[in-house]
Amino acid sequence: FSKSPTIMKAVDLKIFGENDTIGNLLVKYISFIEKVDFIAYDIVHPLVNDLIVRIAYKENNHDEISDLIVKTIDYLMNFLNNLKEEWEKKNQ
């Protein structure tokens, strides 16, 4: 995490080795959370699989944002695992 270099009171989270797939999922699901004022991601260069997620959440407390990211990832992993299990059951 680092403070966003913009005039917006936000933090930037750099995620290395990932692309639009993870960026879209995180932004989509975190945007539903009421106290998130802003969330978006950017890939600085199309040939480099690194993304920056910018979040403005409450007071931009590092622990709260970390918790938010972890809970979102856990939710997405559970959702995708359930989807996979249902798919496997129906396609045996």
N, C-alpha and C. Protein backbone atom coordinates (compact mmCIF):
# COMPACT_ATOMS: atom_id res chain seq x y z
N PHE A 1 0.83 -1.18 0.00
CA PHE A 1 0.00 0.00 0.00
C PHE A 1 0.88 1.24 0.00
N SER A 2 0.39 2.24 -0.67
CA SER A 2 1.04 3.54 -0.60
C SER A 2 -0.02 4.63 -0.77
N LYS A 3 0.28 5.81 -0.28
CA LYS A 3 -0.64 6.93 -0.43
C LYS A 3 -0.73 7.26 -1.92
N SER A 4 -1.93 7.50 -2.40
CA SER A 4 -2.13 7.83 -3.81
C SER A 4 -1.45 9.16 -4.13
N PRO A 5 -0.74 9.23 -5.26
CA PRO A 5 -0.07 10.48 -5.62
C PRO A 5 -1.01 11.51 -6.25
N THR A 6 -2.30 11.33 -6.08
CA THR A 6 -3.29 12.25 -6.65
C THR A 6 -3.80 13.18 -5.56
N ILE A 7 -4.65 14.12 -5.94
CA ILE A 7 -5.24 15.00 -4.92
C ILE A 7 -6.32 14.29 -4.13
N MET A 8 -6.77 13.13 -4.65
CA MET A 8 -7.77 12.33 -3.95
C MET A 8 -7.16 11.71 -2.70
N LYS A 9 -7.95 11.69 -1.64
CA LYS A 9 -7.49 11.00 -0.42
C LYS A 9 -7.78 9.52 -0.62
N ALA A 10 -6.77 8.80 -1.08
CA ALA A 10 -6.92 7.38 -1.39
C ALA A 10 -5.58 6.69 -1.21
N VAL A 11 -5.62 5.38 -1.28
CA VAL A 11 -4.39 4.59 -1.24
C VAL A 11 -4.31 3.76 -2.51
N ASP A 12 -3.09 3.44 -2.90
CA ASP A 12 -2.84 2.60 -4.06
C ASP A 12 -2.30 1.26 -3.60
N LEU A 13 -2.82 0.22 -4.17
CA LEU A 13 -2.36 -1.14 -3.90
C LEU A 13 -1.77 -1.68 -5.19
N LYS A 14 -0.50 -2.02 -5.18
CA LYS A 14 0.14 -2.60 -6.36
C LYS A 14 0.02 -4.11 -6.28
N ILE A 15 -0.45 -4.70 -7.36
CA ILE A 15 -0.56 -6.16 -7.45
C ILE A 15 0.29 -6.59 -8.63
N PHE A 16 1.32 -7.36 -8.35
CA PHE A 16 2.26 -7.77 -9.38
C PHE A 16 1.86 -9.11 -9.99
N GLY A 17 2.06 -9.23 -11.29
CA GLY A 17 1.82 -10.51 -11.97
C GLY A 17 0.36 -10.79 -12.24
N GLU A 18 -0.48 -9.79 -12.19
CA GLU A 18 -1.90 -9.98 -12.45
C GLU A 18 -2.37 -9.01 -13.53
N ASN A 19 -3.59 -9.24 -14.00
CA ASN A 19 -4.07 -8.45 -15.14
C ASN A 19 -5.52 -8.00 -14.92
N ASP A 20 -6.20 -7.69 -16.03
CA ASP A 20 -7.57 -7.18 -15.96
C ASP A 20 -8.54 -8.12 -15.26
N THR A 21 -8.30 -9.42 -15.33
CA THR A 21 -9.22 -10.38 -14.71
C THR A 21 -9.35 -10.10 -13.22
N ILE A 22 -8.24 -10.02 -12.53
CA ILE A 22 -8.26 -9.75 -11.09
C ILE A 22 -8.71 -8.31 -10.82
N GLY A 23 -8.23 -7.38 -11.62
CA GLY A 23 -8.62 -5.98 -11.44
C GLY A 23 -10.12 -5.79 -11.54
N ASN A 24 -10.73 -6.36 -12.57
CA ASN A 24 -12.18 -6.23 -12.74
C ASN A 24 -12.95 -6.87 -11.60
N LEU A 25 -12.54 -8.07 -11.18
CA LEU A 25 -13.24 -8.74 -10.08
C LEU A 25 -13.18 -7.93 -8.79
N LEU A 26 -11.98 -7.49 -8.43
CA LEU A 26 -11.84 -6.72 -7.19
C LEU A 26 -12.66 -5.44 -7.23
N VAL A 27 -12.53 -4.69 -8.31
CA VAL A 27 -13.23 -3.42 -8.41
C VAL A 27 -14.75 -3.62 -8.40
N LYS A 28 -15.21 -4.61 -9.13
CA LYS A 28 -16.66 -4.86 -9.22
C LYS A 28 -17.25 -5.16 -7.84
N TYR A 29 -16.64 -6.10 -7.11
CA TYR A 29 -17.22 -6.51 -5.83
C TYR A 29 -16.98 -5.51 -4.71
N ILE A 30 -15.84 -4.87 -4.71
CA ILE A 30 -15.58 -3.88 -3.66
C ILE A 30 -16.45 -2.63 -3.87
N SER A 31 -16.79 -2.34 -5.11
CA SER A 31 -17.61 -1.15 -5.38
C SER A 31 -19.01 -1.25 -4.77
N PHE A 32 -19.46 -2.45 -4.45
CA PHE A 32 -20.77 -2.63 -3.82
C PHE A 32 -20.77 -2.28 -2.33
N ILE A 33 -19.60 -2.13 -1.74
CA ILE A 33 -19.49 -1.83 -0.31
C ILE A 33 -19.79 -0.35 -0.09
N GLU A 34 -20.69 -0.10 0.83
CA GLU A 34 -21.25 1.22 1.03
C GLU A 34 -20.21 2.31 1.33
N LYS A 35 -19.24 2.02 2.15
CA LYS A 35 -18.31 3.05 2.60
C LYS A 35 -17.12 3.25 1.67
N VAL A 36 -17.15 2.60 0.52
CA VAL A 36 -16.10 2.81 -0.46
C VAL A 36 -16.50 4.02 -1.30
N ASP A 37 -15.70 5.08 -1.19
CA ASP A 37 -16.00 6.30 -1.93
C ASP A 37 -15.53 6.20 -3.38
N PHE A 38 -14.46 5.46 -3.61
CA PHE A 38 -13.91 5.34 -4.96
C PHE A 38 -13.07 4.08 -5.03
N ILE A 39 -13.17 3.37 -6.16
CA ILE A 39 -12.27 2.26 -6.44
C ILE A 39 -12.15 2.11 -7.94
N ALA A 40 -10.93 1.94 -8.39
CA ALA A 40 -10.65 1.71 -9.81
C ALA A 40 -9.28 1.05 -9.89
N TYR A 41 -8.99 0.52 -11.06
CA TYR A 41 -7.66 -0.03 -11.24
C TYR A 41 -7.09 0.45 -12.56
N ASP A 42 -5.77 0.33 -12.66
CA ASP A 42 -5.08 0.73 -13.87
C ASP A 42 -3.94 -0.24 -14.12
N ILE A 43 -3.74 -0.54 -15.38
CA ILE A 43 -2.55 -1.30 -15.79
C ILE A 43 -1.67 -0.28 -16.50
N VAL A 44 -0.51 -0.03 -15.94
CA VAL A 44 0.35 1.06 -16.40
C VAL A 44 0.83 0.82 -17.84
N HIS A 45 1.12 -0.42 -18.16
CA HIS A 45 1.60 -0.74 -19.52
C HIS A 45 0.98 -2.06 -19.95
N PRO A 46 0.47 -2.16 -21.17
CA PRO A 46 -0.23 -3.38 -21.59
C PRO A 46 0.65 -4.63 -21.69
N LEU A 47 1.95 -4.47 -21.73
CA LEU A 47 2.83 -5.63 -21.82
C LEU A 47 3.36 -6.08 -20.45
N VAL A 48 2.97 -5.38 -19.41
CA VAL A 48 3.41 -5.71 -18.05
C VAL A 48 2.18 -6.09 -17.23
N ASN A 49 2.18 -7.30 -16.68
CA ASN A 49 1.04 -7.77 -15.89
C ASN A 49 1.13 -7.31 -14.44
N ASP A 50 1.08 -6.03 -14.25
CA ASP A 50 1.03 -5.43 -12.92
C ASP A 50 -0.11 -4.42 -12.94
N LEU A 51 -0.85 -4.37 -11.84
CA LEU A 51 -1.93 -3.40 -11.80
C LEU A 51 -1.89 -2.62 -10.50
N ILE A 52 -2.50 -1.46 -10.55
CA ILE A 52 -2.63 -0.60 -9.38
C ILE A 52 -4.11 -0.42 -9.10
N VAL A 53 -4.52 -0.77 -7.88
CA VAL A 53 -5.90 -0.57 -7.45
C VAL A 53 -5.91 0.64 -6.54
N ARG A 54 -6.71 1.64 -6.88
CA ARG A 54 -6.82 2.85 -6.06
C ARG A 54 -8.14 2.79 -5.30
N ILE A 55 -8.06 2.95 -3.97
CA ILE A 55 -9.23 2.83 -3.10
C ILE A 55 -9.30 4.04 -2.18
N ALA A 56 -10.48 4.62 -2.10
CA ALA A 56 -10.79 5.63 -1.08
C ALA A 56 -11.87 5.00 -0.21
N TYR A 57 -11.51 4.68 1.03
CA TYR A 57 -12.40 3.95 1.94
C TYR A 57 -12.26 4.50 3.34
N LYS A 58 -13.35 4.96 3.90
CA LYS A 58 -13.36 5.53 5.25
C LYS A 58 -12.21 6.52 5.41
N GLU A 59 -11.34 6.25 6.35
CA GLU A 59 -10.18 7.12 6.62
C GLU A 59 -8.91 6.59 5.96
N ASN A 60 -9.06 5.65 5.03
CA ASN A 60 -7.93 5.04 4.34
C ASN A 60 -6.96 4.36 5.30
N ASN A 61 -7.52 3.77 6.34
CA ASN A 61 -6.73 3.04 7.32
C ASN A 61 -6.21 1.75 6.68
N HIS A 62 -4.92 1.54 6.78
CA HIS A 62 -4.25 0.38 6.16
C HIS A 62 -4.90 -0.94 6.58
N ASP A 63 -5.15 -1.11 7.87
CA ASP A 63 -5.73 -2.36 8.37
C ASP A 63 -7.14 -2.58 7.84
N GLU A 64 -7.94 -1.52 7.78
CA GLU A 64 -9.31 -1.66 7.28
C GLU A 64 -9.32 -2.02 5.79
N ILE A 65 -8.44 -1.40 5.03
CA ILE A 65 -8.38 -1.70 3.60
C ILE A 65 -7.85 -3.11 3.38
N SER A 66 -6.85 -3.53 4.15
CA SER A 66 -6.34 -4.90 4.06
C SER A 66 -7.45 -5.90 4.35
N ASP A 67 -8.20 -5.63 5.41
CA ASP A 67 -9.32 -6.50 5.78
C ASP A 67 -10.36 -6.55 4.66
N LEU A 68 -10.66 -5.42 4.07
CA LEU A 68 -11.61 -5.33 2.96
C LEU A 68 -11.14 -6.17 1.77
N ILE A 69 -9.87 -6.06 1.43
CA ILE A 69 -9.31 -6.83 0.30
C ILE A 69 -9.36 -8.32 0.61
N VAL A 70 -8.94 -8.72 1.80
CA VAL A 70 -8.93 -10.14 2.18
C VAL A 70 -10.34 -10.72 2.16
N LYS A 71 -11.29 -10.00 2.73
CA LYS A 71 -12.68 -10.50 2.74
C LYS A 71 -13.23 -10.63 1.33
N THR A 72 -12.90 -9.68 0.47
CA THR A 72 -13.36 -9.76 -0.92
C THR A 72 -12.74 -10.94 -1.63
N ILE A 73 -11.46 -11.16 -1.45
CA ILE A 73 -10.79 -12.31 -2.07
C ILE A 73 -11.37 -13.62 -1.55
N ASP A 74 -11.60 -13.71 -0.24
CA ASP A 74 -12.22 -14.92 0.32
C ASP A 74 -13.60 -15.16 -0.28
N TYR A 75 -14.39 -14.10 -0.39
CA TYR A 75 -15.72 -14.23 -0.98
C TYR A 75 -15.63 -14.73 -2.42
N LEU A 76 -14.75 -14.14 -3.20
CA LEU A 76 -14.61 -14.52 -4.61
C LEU A 76 -14.11 -15.96 -4.75
N MET A 77 -13.18 -16.36 -3.89
CA MET A 77 -12.68 -17.73 -3.94
C MET A 77 -13.79 -18.72 -3.61
N ASN A 78 -14.58 -18.44 -2.59
CA ASN A 78 -15.69 -19.32 -2.23
C ASN A 78 -16.72 -19.38 -3.36
N PHE A 79 -17.05 -18.23 -3.92
CA PHE A 79 -18.00 -18.17 -5.02
C PHE A 79 -17.52 -19.00 -6.21
N LEU A 80 -16.26 -18.83 -6.58
CA LEU A 80 -15.72 -19.57 -7.73
C LEU A 80 -15.59 -21.06 -7.45
N ASN A 81 -15.22 -21.43 -6.23
CA ASN A 81 -15.16 -22.85 -5.86
C ASN A 81 -16.54 -23.50 -5.92
N ASN A 82 -17.56 -22.80 -5.42
CA ASN A 82 -18.93 -23.32 -5.50
C ASN A 82 -19.38 -23.45 -6.94
N LEU A 83 -19.07 -22.48 -7.74
CA LEU A 83 -19.41 -22.53 -9.16
C LEU A 83 -18.74 -23.71 -9.85
N LYS A 84 -17.49 -23.94 -9.53
CA LYS A 84 -16.74 -25.07 -10.09
C LYS A 84 -17.37 -26.40 -9.68
N GLU A 85 -17.72 -26.53 -8.39
CA GLU A 85 -18.34 -27.77 -7.91
C GLU A 85 -19.67 -28.03 -8.60
N GLU A 86 -20.49 -26.98 -8.74
CA GLU A 86 -21.78 -27.14 -9.43
C GLU A 86 -21.57 -27.55 -10.89
N TRP A 87 -20.61 -26.95 -11.53
CA TRP A 87 -20.31 -27.27 -12.92
C TRP A 87 -19.88 -28.73 -13.05
N GLU A 88 -19.01 -29.18 -12.15
CA GLU A 88 -18.52 -30.56 -12.19
C GLU A 88 -19.64 -31.55 -11.94
N LYS A 89 -20.54 -31.24 -11.01
CA LYS A 89 -21.68 -32.13 -10.73
C LYS A 89 -22.59 -32.27 -11.95
N LYS A 90 -22.86 -31.16 -12.60
CA LYS A 90 -23.78 -31.18 -13.73
C LYS A 90 -23.14 -31.74 -15.00
N ASN A 91 -21.85 -31.84 -15.04
CA ASN A 91 -21.17 -32.28 -16.26
C ASN A 91 -20.37 -33.56 -16.05
N GLN A 92 -20.86 -34.42 -15.19
CA GLN A 92 -20.19 -35.71 -14.97
C GLN A 92 -20.69 -36.73 -15.96
